[in-house]
C-alpha atoms as a PDB file:
ATOM      1  CA  UNK A   1      -4.802 -79.586 -44.292  1.00  0.00           C
ATOM      2  CA  UNK A   2      -1.408 -79.601 -42.945  1.00  0.00           C
ATOM      3  CA  UNK A   3      -1.634 -77.812 -39.191  1.00  0.00           C
ATOM      4  CA  UNK A   4      -4.796 -80.076 -38.595  1.00  0.00           C
ATOM      5  CA  UNK A   5      -2.741 -82.879 -38.938  1.00  0.00           C
ATOM      6  CA  UNK A   6      -0.395 -81.088 -36.692  1.00  0.00           C
ATOM      7  CA  UNK A   7      -3.105 -80.247 -33.768  1.00  0.00           C
ATOM      8  CA  UNK A   8      -4.480 -84.273 -34.262  1.00  0.00           C
ATOM      9  CA  UNK A   9      -1.058 -85.573 -34.019  1.00  0.00           C
ATOM     10  CA  UNK A  10      -0.583 -83.222 -31.028  1.00  0.00           C
ATOM     11  CA  UNK A  11      -4.218 -84.542 -29.458  1.00  0.00           C
ATOM     12  CA  UNK A  12      -2.672 -88.384 -30.196  1.00  0.00           C
ATOM     13  CA  UNK A  13       0.349 -88.218 -28.676  1.00  0.00           C
ATOM     14  CA  UNK A  14      -1.349 -86.577 -25.086  1.00  0.00           C
ATOM     15  CA  UNK A  15      -3.914 -88.818 -24.972  1.00  0.00           C
ATOM     16  CA  UNK A  16      -1.268 -91.750 -25.299  1.00  0.00           C
ATOM     17  CA  UNK A  17       0.701 -90.045 -22.788  1.00  0.00           C
ATOM     18  CA  UNK A  18      -2.668 -89.741 -20.239  1.00  0.00           C
ATOM     19  CA  UNK A  19      -3.473 -93.782 -20.957  1.00  0.00           C
ATOM     20  CA  UNK A  20      -0.245 -95.566 -21.306  1.00  0.00           C
ATOM     21  CA  UNK A  21       1.837 -95.428 -18.351  1.00  0.00           C
ATOM     22  CA  UNK A  22       4.910 -97.589 -17.215  1.00  0.00           C
ATOM     23  CA  UNK A  23       5.388 -98.535 -13.672  1.00  0.00           C
ATOM     24  CA  UNK A  24       8.601 -99.917 -12.264  1.00  0.00           C
ATOM     25  CA  UNK A  25       9.062-103.150  -9.879  1.00  0.00           C
ATOM     26  CA  UNK A  26       8.581-101.253  -7.119  1.00  0.00           C
ATOM     27  CA  UNK A  27       5.918 -98.676  -7.935  1.00  0.00           C
ATOM     28  CA  UNK A  28       2.146 -99.383  -7.300  1.00  0.00           C
ATOM     29  CA  UNK A  29      -0.566 -96.870  -8.783  1.00  0.00           C
ATOM     30  CA  UNK A  30      -3.793 -96.337  -6.747  1.00  0.00           C
ATOM     31  CA  UNK A  31      -6.256 -96.115  -9.552  1.00  0.00           C
ATOM     32  CA  UNK A  32      -9.635 -93.939  -8.908  1.00  0.00           C
ATOM     33  CA  UNK A  33     -12.704 -94.577 -11.283  1.00  0.00           C
ATOM     34  CA  UNK A  34     -14.562 -90.933 -11.673  1.00  0.00           C
ATOM     35  CA  UNK A  35     -13.018 -89.943  -8.067  1.00  0.00           C
ATOM     36  CA  UNK A  36     -13.871 -93.488  -6.392  1.00  0.00           C
ATOM     37  CA  UNK A  37     -10.751 -95.943  -5.454  1.00  0.00           C
ATOM     38  CA  UNK A  38     -10.819 -98.686  -8.164  1.00  0.00           C
ATOM     39  CA  UNK A  39      -8.336-101.073  -7.418  1.00  0.00           C
ATOM     40  CA  UNK A  40      -4.061-100.935  -7.541  1.00  0.00           C
ATOM     41  CA  UNK A  41      -2.239-101.571 -10.524  1.00  0.00           C
ATOM     42  CA  UNK A  42       1.433-102.585 -11.510  1.00  0.00           C
ATOM     43  CA  UNK A  43       4.056-102.625 -11.862  1.00  0.00           C
ATOM     44  CA  UNK A  44       4.228-102.953 -16.059  1.00  0.00           C
ATOM     45  CA  UNK A  45       2.189-101.124 -18.272  1.00  0.00           C
ATOM     46  CA  UNK A  46      -0.766 -99.833 -17.541  1.00  0.00           C
ATOM     47  CA  UNK A  47      -3.923 -98.472 -19.645  1.00  0.00           C
ATOM     48  CA  UNK A  48      -5.895 -95.780 -18.216  1.00  0.00           C
ATOM     49  CA  UNK A  49      -9.357 -94.395 -19.623  1.00  0.00           C
ATOM     50  CA  UNK A  50      -8.606 -90.438 -19.688  1.00  0.00           C
ATOM     51  CA  UNK A  51     -10.485 -88.169 -18.038  1.00  0.00           C
ATOM     52  CA  UNK A  52     -12.417 -91.075 -16.594  1.00  0.00           C
ATOM     53  CA  UNK A  53      -9.582 -92.819 -14.306  1.00  0.00           C
ATOM     54  CA  UNK A  54      -6.791 -91.282 -12.303  1.00  0.00           C
ATOM     55  CA  UNK A  55      -4.044 -92.836 -11.112  1.00  0.00           C
ATOM     56  CA  UNK A  56      -1.462 -91.825  -8.148  1.00  0.00           C
ATOM     57  CA  UNK A  57       2.325 -93.583  -8.210  1.00  0.00           C
ATOM     58  CA  UNK A  58       3.541 -94.937  -4.483  1.00  0.00           C
ATOM     59  CA  UNK A  59       6.990 -96.541  -4.263  1.00  0.00           C
ATOM     60  CA  UNK A  60       7.014 -99.169  -2.075  1.00  0.00           C
ATOM     61  CA  UNK A  61      11.002 -99.412  -1.411  1.00  0.00           C
ATOM     62  CA  UNK A  62      11.805 -98.715   2.733  1.00  0.00           C
ATOM     63  CA  UNK A  63      12.175 -94.794   3.169  1.00  0.00           C
ATOM     64  CA  UNK A  64      14.785 -93.843   5.286  1.00  0.00           C
ATOM     65  CA  UNK A  65      14.283 -90.527   7.344  1.00  0.00           C
ATOM     66  CA  UNK A  66      16.071 -88.249   9.879  1.00  0.00           C
ATOM     67  CA  UNK A  67      14.260 -87.138  12.562  1.00  0.00           C
ATOM     68  CA  UNK A  68      15.431 -83.659  13.468  1.00  0.00           C
ATOM     69  CA  UNK A  69      16.767 -83.252  17.088  1.00  0.00           C
ATOM     70  CA  UNK A  70      14.540 -82.926  19.784  1.00  0.00           C
ATOM     71  CA  UNK A  71      14.573 -81.435  23.429  1.00  0.00           C
ATOM     72  CA  UNK A  72      14.057 -83.899  25.823  1.00  0.00           C
ATOM     73  CA  UNK A  73      13.678 -83.900  29.634  1.00  0.00           C
ATOM     74  CA  UNK A  74      14.417 -87.497  31.215  1.00  0.00           C
ATOM     75  CA  UNK A  75      12.375 -88.422  34.099  1.00  0.00           C
ATOM     76  CA  UNK A  76      15.183 -87.273  36.543  1.00  0.00           C
ATOM     77  CA  UNK A  77      14.840 -83.886  35.220  1.00  0.00           C
ATOM     78  CA  UNK A  78      18.295 -83.572  32.925  1.00  0.00           C
ATOM     79  CA  UNK A  79      17.814 -81.716  29.481  1.00  0.00           C
ATOM     80  CA  UNK A  80      19.306 -83.297  26.331  1.00  0.00           C
ATOM     81  CA  UNK A  81      18.995 -83.520  22.810  1.00  0.00           C
ATOM     82  CA  UNK A  82      18.084 -86.445  20.884  1.00  0.00           C
ATOM     83  CA  UNK A  83      17.724 -87.451  17.325  1.00  0.00           C
ATOM     84  CA  UNK A  84      17.111 -90.308  15.266  1.00  0.00           C
ATOM     85  CA  UNK A  85      16.612 -92.305  12.362  1.00  0.00           C
ATOM     86  CA  UNK A  86      13.235 -94.180  11.098  1.00  0.00           C
ATOM     87  CA  UNK A  87      13.069 -96.934   8.647  1.00  0.00           C
ATOM     88  CA  UNK A  88       9.452 -97.245   6.929  1.00  0.00           C
ATOM     89  CA  UNK A  89       7.821 -98.689   3.741  1.00  0.00           C
ATOM     90  CA  UNK A  90       4.493 -98.703   2.311  1.00  0.00           C
ATOM     91  CA  UNK A  91       2.632-102.079   2.325  1.00  0.00           C
ATOM     92  CA  UNK A  92      -0.493-100.874   1.270  1.00  0.00           C
ATOM     93  CA  UNK A  93      -0.994 -98.048  -1.398  1.00  0.00           C
ATOM     94  CA  UNK A  94      -4.376 -97.390  -1.459  1.00  0.00           C
ATOM     95  CA  UNK A  95      -4.335 -96.536   2.695  1.00  0.00           C
ATOM     96  CA  UNK A  96      -1.308 -94.619   2.477  1.00  0.00           C
ATOM     97  CA  UNK A  97      -2.903 -92.305  -0.438  1.00  0.00           C
ATOM     98  CA  UNK A  98      -6.545 -92.256   0.944  1.00  0.00           C
ATOM     99  CA  UNK A  99      -6.350 -92.288   4.717  1.00  0.00           C
ATOM    100  CA  UNK A 100      -3.399 -89.607   5.215  1.00  0.00           C
ATOM    101  CA  UNK A 101      -2.759 -86.742   2.875  1.00  0.00           C
ATOM    102  CA  UNK A 102       0.690 -86.777   3.015  1.00  0.00           C
ATOM    103  CA  UNK A 103       2.094 -90.061   4.616  1.00  0.00           C
ATOM    104  CA  UNK A 104       5.570 -89.333   4.752  1.00  0.00           C
ATOM    105  CA  UNK A 105       5.144 -85.982   6.641  1.00  0.00           C
ATOM    106  CA  UNK A 106       2.846 -87.252   9.191  1.00  0.00           C
ATOM    107  CA  UNK A 107       5.253 -90.178   9.876  1.00  0.00           C
ATOM    108  CA  UNK A 108       7.718 -87.911  10.203  1.00  0.00           C
ATOM    109  CA  UNK A 109       5.536 -85.554  12.479  1.00  0.00           C
ATOM    110  CA  UNK A 110       4.576 -88.635  14.579  1.00  0.00           C
ATOM    111  CA  UNK A 111       8.429 -89.996  14.867  1.00  0.00           C
ATOM    112  CA  UNK A 112       9.276 -86.493  16.709  1.00  0.00           C
ATOM    113  CA  UNK A 113       6.377 -86.520  19.489  1.00  0.00           C
ATOM    114  CA  UNK A 114       6.917 -90.457  19.832  1.00  0.00           C
ATOM    115  CA  UNK A 115      10.474 -89.849  20.534  1.00  0.00           C
ATOM    116  CA  UNK A 116       9.920 -86.611  22.969  1.00  0.00           C
ATOM    117  CA  UNK A 117       7.134 -88.968  24.386  1.00  0.00           C
ATOM    118  CA  UNK A 118       9.031 -92.491  24.874  1.00  0.00           C
ATOM    119  CA  UNK A 119      12.695 -90.751  26.021  1.00  0.00           C
ATOM    120  CA  UNK A 120      10.923 -88.418  28.556  1.00  0.00           C
ATOM    121  CA  UNK A 121       9.660 -91.195  30.572  1.00  0.00           C
ATOM    122  CA  UNK A 122      13.384 -92.717  31.143  1.00  0.00           C
ATOM    123  CA  UNK A 123      16.151 -91.935  33.052  1.00  0.00           C
ATOM    124  CA  UNK A 124      19.317 -90.614  31.676  1.00  0.00           C
ATOM    125  CA  UNK A 125      21.204 -93.636  32.557  1.00  0.00           C
ATOM    126  CA  UNK A 126      18.662 -95.507  30.245  1.00  0.00           C
ATOM    127  CA  UNK A 127      19.128 -93.355  27.127  1.00  0.00           C
ATOM    128  CA  UNK A 128      22.902 -93.887  27.391  1.00  0.00           C
ATOM    129  CA  UNK A 129      23.110 -97.045  28.205  1.00  0.00           C
ATOM    130  CA  UNK A 130      20.066 -98.934  27.176  1.00  0.00           C
ATOM    131  CA  UNK A 131      19.095 -97.581  23.518  1.00  0.00           C
ATOM    132  CA  UNK A 132      17.905-101.092  22.252  1.00  0.00           C
ATOM    133  CA  UNK A 133      15.078-101.658  24.611  1.00  0.00           C
ATOM    134  CA  UNK A 134      14.459 -97.915  23.761  1.00  0.00           C
ATOM    135  CA  UNK A 135      14.582 -97.925  19.786  1.00  0.00           C
ATOM    136  CA  UNK A 136      12.023-101.246  19.529  1.00  0.00           C
ATOM    137  CA  UNK A 137       9.803 -99.232  22.355  1.00  0.00           C
ATOM    138  CA  UNK A 138       9.567 -96.724  19.665  1.00  0.00           C
ATOM    139  CA  UNK A 139       9.320 -98.743  16.692  1.00  0.00           C
ATOM    140  CA  UNK A 140       6.403-100.713  18.564  1.00  0.00           C
ATOM    141  CA  UNK A 141       4.675 -97.225  18.906  1.00  0.00           C
ATOM    142  CA  UNK A 142       5.479 -95.990  15.445  1.00  0.00           C
ATOM    143  CA  UNK A 143       4.423 -99.060  13.970  1.00  0.00           C
ATOM    144  CA  UNK A 144       0.934 -99.262  15.576  1.00  0.00           C
ATOM    145  CA  UNK A 145      -0.110 -96.083  14.514  1.00  0.00           C
ATOM    146  CA  UNK A 146       0.805 -95.678  11.459  1.00  0.00           C
ATOM    147  CA  UNK A 147      -0.866 -98.963  10.660  1.00  0.00           C
ATOM    148  CA  UNK A 148      -3.910 -97.226   9.549  1.00  0.00           C
ATOM    149  CA  UNK A 149      -2.308 -95.298   7.034  1.00  0.00           C
ATOM    150  CA  UNK A 150      -0.986 -98.734   5.175  1.00  0.00           C
ATOM    151  CA  UNK A 151       2.903 -98.164   6.787  1.00  0.00           C
ATOM    152  CA  UNK A 152       5.043-100.434   8.319  1.00  0.00           C
ATOM    153  CA  UNK A 153       7.794 -98.917  10.316  1.00  0.00           C
ATOM    154  CA  UNK A 154      10.750-101.591  10.282  1.00  0.00           C
ATOM    155  CA  UNK A 155      13.126 -99.768  12.104  1.00  0.00           C
ATOM    156  CA  UNK A 156      14.195 -97.133  14.511  1.00  0.00           C
ATOM    157  CA  UNK A 157      17.991 -96.114  15.777  1.00  0.00           C
ATOM    158  CA  UNK A 158      18.459 -93.024  18.082  1.00  0.00           C
ATOM    159  CA  UNK A 159      21.734 -91.713  16.440  1.00  0.00           C
ATOM    160  CA  UNK A 160      22.909 -89.321  19.220  1.00  0.00           C
ATOM    161  CA  UNK A 161      22.759 -88.282  22.764  1.00  0.00           C
ATOM    162  CA  UNK A 162      23.839 -84.937  22.953  1.00  0.00           C
ATOM    163  CA  UNK A 163      24.333 -83.177  26.952  1.00  0.00           C
ATOM    164  CA  UNK A 164      25.275 -80.371  28.486  1.00  0.00           C
ATOM    165  CA  UNK A 165      29.095 -79.996  29.546  1.00  0.00           C
ATOM    166  CA  UNK A 166      28.012 -79.504  33.509  1.00  0.00           C
ATOM    167  CA  UNK A 167      26.347 -82.424  33.021  1.00  0.00           C
ATOM    168  CA  UNK A 168      29.212 -84.328  31.438  1.00  0.00           C
ATOM    169  CA  UNK A 169      31.405 -83.148  34.563  1.00  0.00           C
ATOM    170  CA  UNK A 170      28.769 -84.585  36.783  1.00  0.00           C
ATOM    171  CA  UNK A 171      28.227 -87.762  35.179  1.00  0.00           C
ATOM    172  CA  UNK A 172      32.394 -88.190  34.669  1.00  0.00           C
ATOM    173  CA  UNK A 173      32.281 -87.577  38.789  1.00  0.00           C
ATOM    174  CA  UNK A 174      29.252 -90.331  39.297  1.00  0.00           C
ATOM    175  CA  UNK A 175      31.595 -92.856  37.219  1.00  0.00           C
ATOM    176  CA  UNK A 176      34.598 -91.976  39.309  1.00  0.00           C
ATOM    177  CA  UNK A 177      32.898 -92.497  42.623  1.00  0.00           C
ATOM    178  CA  UNK A 178      30.807 -95.545  41.478  1.00  0.00           C
ATOM    179  CA  UNK A 179      34.803 -97.210  40.730  1.00  0.00           C
ATOM    180  CA  UNK A 180      35.922 -96.213  44.103  1.00  0.00           C
ATOM    181  CA  UNK A 181      33.149 -97.989  45.880  1.00  0.00           C
ATOM    182  CA  UNK A 182      33.708-101.308  43.621  1.00  0.00           C
ATOM    183  CA  UNK A 183      37.027-100.563  45.025  1.00  0.00           C
ATOM    184  CA  UNK A 184      36.455-100.637  48.326  1.00  0.00           C
ATOM    185  CA  UNK A 185      33.789-103.510  47.663  1.00  0.00           C
ATOM    186  CA  UNK A 186      36.312-105.995  45.901  1.00  0.00           C
ATOM    187  CA  UNK A 187      38.879-104.676  48.851  1.00  0.00           C
ATOM    188  CA  UNK A 188      36.806-105.601  52.014  1.00  0.00           C
ATOM    189  CA  UNK A 189      35.667-108.565  50.070  1.00  0.00           C
ATOM    190  CA  UNK A 190      39.418-109.829  49.779  1.00  0.00           C
ATOM    191  CA  UNK A 191      40.199-108.989  53.757  1.00  0.00           C
ATOM    192  CA  UNK A 192      36.971-111.286  54.227  1.00  0.00           C
ATOM    193  CA  UNK A 193      38.304-114.194  52.420  1.00  0.00           C
ATOM    194  CA  UNK A 194      41.618-113.956  53.972  1.00  0.00           C
ATOM    195  CA  UNK A 195      40.004-113.481  57.537  1.00  0.00           C
ATOM    196  CA  UNK A 196      38.429-116.990  56.827  1.00  0.00           C
ATOM    197  CA  UNK A 197      40.774-118.853  55.554  1.00  0.00           C
ATOM    198  CA  UNK A 198      43.249-117.425  58.816  1.00  0.00           C
ATOM    199  CA  UNK A 199      40.316-118.781  61.009  1.00  0.00           C
ATOM    200  CA  UNK A 200      40.405-122.388  59.125  1.00  0.00           C
ATOM    201  CA  UNK A 201      44.311-122.529  59.470  1.00  0.00           C
ATOM    202  CA  UNK A 202      43.870-121.660  63.088  1.00  0.00           C
ATOM    203  CA  UNK A 203      41.240-124.193  63.466  1.00  0.00           C
ATOM    204  CA  UNK A 204      44.251-126.962  61.811  1.00  0.00           C
ATOM    205  CA  UNK A 205      46.964-125.790  63.372  1.00  0.00           C
ATOM    206  CA  UNK A 206      45.075-126.292  66.875  1.00  0.00           C
ATOM    207  CA  UNK A 207      44.298-129.480  66.464  1.00  0.00           C
ATOM    208  CA  UNK A 208      47.953-130.926  64.954  1.00  0.00           C
ATOM    209  CA  UNK A 209      50.636-129.077  67.334  1.00  0.00           C
ATOM    210  CA  UNK A 210      53.305-130.552  65.727  1.00  0.00           C
ATOM    211  CA  UNK A 211      52.018-128.181  62.632  1.00  0.00           C
ATOM    212  CA  UNK A 212      53.122-125.393  64.438  1.00  0.00           C
ATOM    213  CA  UNK A 213      56.648-126.432  64.907  1.00  0.00           C
ATOM    214  CA  UNK A 214      56.705-126.895  61.292  1.00  0.00           C
ATOM    215  CA  UNK A 215      55.384-123.434  60.499  1.00  0.00           C
ATOM    216  CA  UNK A 216      57.979-122.008  63.143  1.00  0.00           C
ATOM    217  CA  UNK A 217      60.988-124.006  61.659  1.00  0.00           C
ATOM    218  CA  UNK A 218      59.520-122.734  57.942  1.00  0.00           C
ATOM    219  CA  UNK A 219      59.407-119.110  59.138  1.00  0.00           C
ATOM    220  CA  UNK A 220      63.089-119.319  60.339  1.00  0.00           C
ATOM    221  CA  UNK A 221      64.107-120.595  56.877  1.00  0.00           C
ATOM    222  CA  UNK A 222      62.189-117.533  55.459  1.00  0.00           C
ATOM    223  CA  UNK A 223      63.699-114.657  57.889  1.00  0.00           C
ATOM    224  CA  UNK A 224      67.268-116.411  56.843  1.00  0.00           C
ATOM    225  CA  UNK A 225      66.826-116.181  53.236  1.00  0.00           C
ATOM    226  CA  UNK A 226      65.367-113.303  53.049  1.00  0.00           C
ATOM    227  CA  UNK A 227      67.108-110.932  55.871  1.00  0.00           C
ATOM    228  CA  UNK A 228      70.237-109.628  54.959  1.00  0.00           C
ATOM    229  CA  UNK A 229      71.238-107.663  57.637  1.00  0.00           C
ATOM    230  CA  UNK A 230      73.514-109.404  60.806  1.00  0.00           C
ATOM    231  CA  UNK A 231      70.751-109.157  63.446  1.00  0.00           C
ATOM    232  CA  UNK A 232      67.638-111.813  63.803  1.00  0.00           C
ATOM    233  CA  UNK A 233      65.633-112.115  65.877  1.00  0.00           C
ATOM    234  CA  UNK A 234      64.087-115.024  66.862  1.00  0.00           C
ATOM    235  CA  UNK A 235      60.563-115.671  68.464  1.00  0.00           C
ATOM    236  CA  UNK A 236      60.644-118.311  71.309  1.00  0.00           C
ATOM    237  CA  UNK A 237      57.846-120.307  71.149  1.00  0.00           C
ATOM    238  CA  UNK A 238      55.352-120.352  74.339  1.00  0.00           C
ATOM    239  CA  UNK A 239      55.952-124.184  74.598  1.00  0.00           C
ATOM    240  CA  UNK A 240      59.334-123.141  75.968  1.00  0.00           C
ATOM    241  CA  UNK A 241      58.963-120.396  78.107  1.00  0.00           C
ATOM    242  CA  UNK A 242      56.235-122.034  80.272  1.00  0.00           C
ATOM    243  CA  UNK A 243      58.195-124.699  81.585  1.00  0.00           C
ATOM    244  CA  UNK A 244      60.645-122.285  82.529  1.00  0.00           C
ATOM    245  CA  UNK A 245      58.120-119.740  84.107  1.00  0.00           C
ATOM    246  CA  UNK A 246      56.541-122.947  86.054  1.00  0.00           C
ATOM    247  CA  UNK A 247      60.226-124.051  87.695  1.00  0.00           C
ATOM    248  CA  UNK A 248      60.717-120.378  88.757  1.00  0.00           C
ATOM    249  CA  UNK A 249      57.725-120.360  90.733  1.00  0.00           C
ATOM    250  CA  UNK A 250      58.065-122.980  92.369  1.00  0.00           C
ATOM    251  CA  UNK A 251      61.405-122.203  92.989  1.00  0.00           C
ATOM    252  CA  UNK A 252      59.723-118.766  94.215  1.00  0.00           C
ATOM    253  CA  UNK A 253      57.518-121.079  96.701  1.00  0.00           C
ATOM    254  CA  UNK A 254      60.212-123.114  97.842  1.00  0.00           C
ATOM    255  CA  UNK A 255      62.351-120.317  99.393  1.00  0.00           C
ATOM    256  CA  UNK A 256      59.154-118.806 101.178  1.00  0.00           C
END
């Protein structure tokens, strides 16, 4: 009699275990009635009919997983190793269970192939300098393909782009050459601007001869204040030399 009561108690507890389920706030239950999809339940207390109804629990929180390092050949034939991190969440639990066998593994595999495909269409410079755009492109493609699985890919972030040591040296040389090119361009632009200013000054001085004399006196003052030697060479203006040359020329003609 006592053993029968124990067996009955075990049966009741087992039935209660399969009948009563409690789902947390972030959990949803996909319920099947005799193998056919019946609906979603949760969160809270869920009562099932043992043997007739079955429920699969799905976590609807955001899932974060690392995409394993992938060997990628860029559009300019540079071999790099790239890894990334993907954020996604289940928004339609019934699709995540019915449409795909293992939605987490399927999303991971899709992320790996998409990462190689997208990065292979860009140059190495884009991988290093335009990561935000690449992240958005990968996220858009993943979200489009996982929509049929009831999954929303919210964010993709490329973590590391590893390059061979020889390629790092080549990039450093390229950067140095680029800096030298920019320096030469800036120097040339400075020379051009200086030449334009000198031309403007020459035009002004040609229109105002008195300005030449003032500039000459200012130059003499600068030389006197800066030159510490005892000998100073003063340039003579052409205005003083020209009359002397003309006088000498007239005297020579008169003697002839």
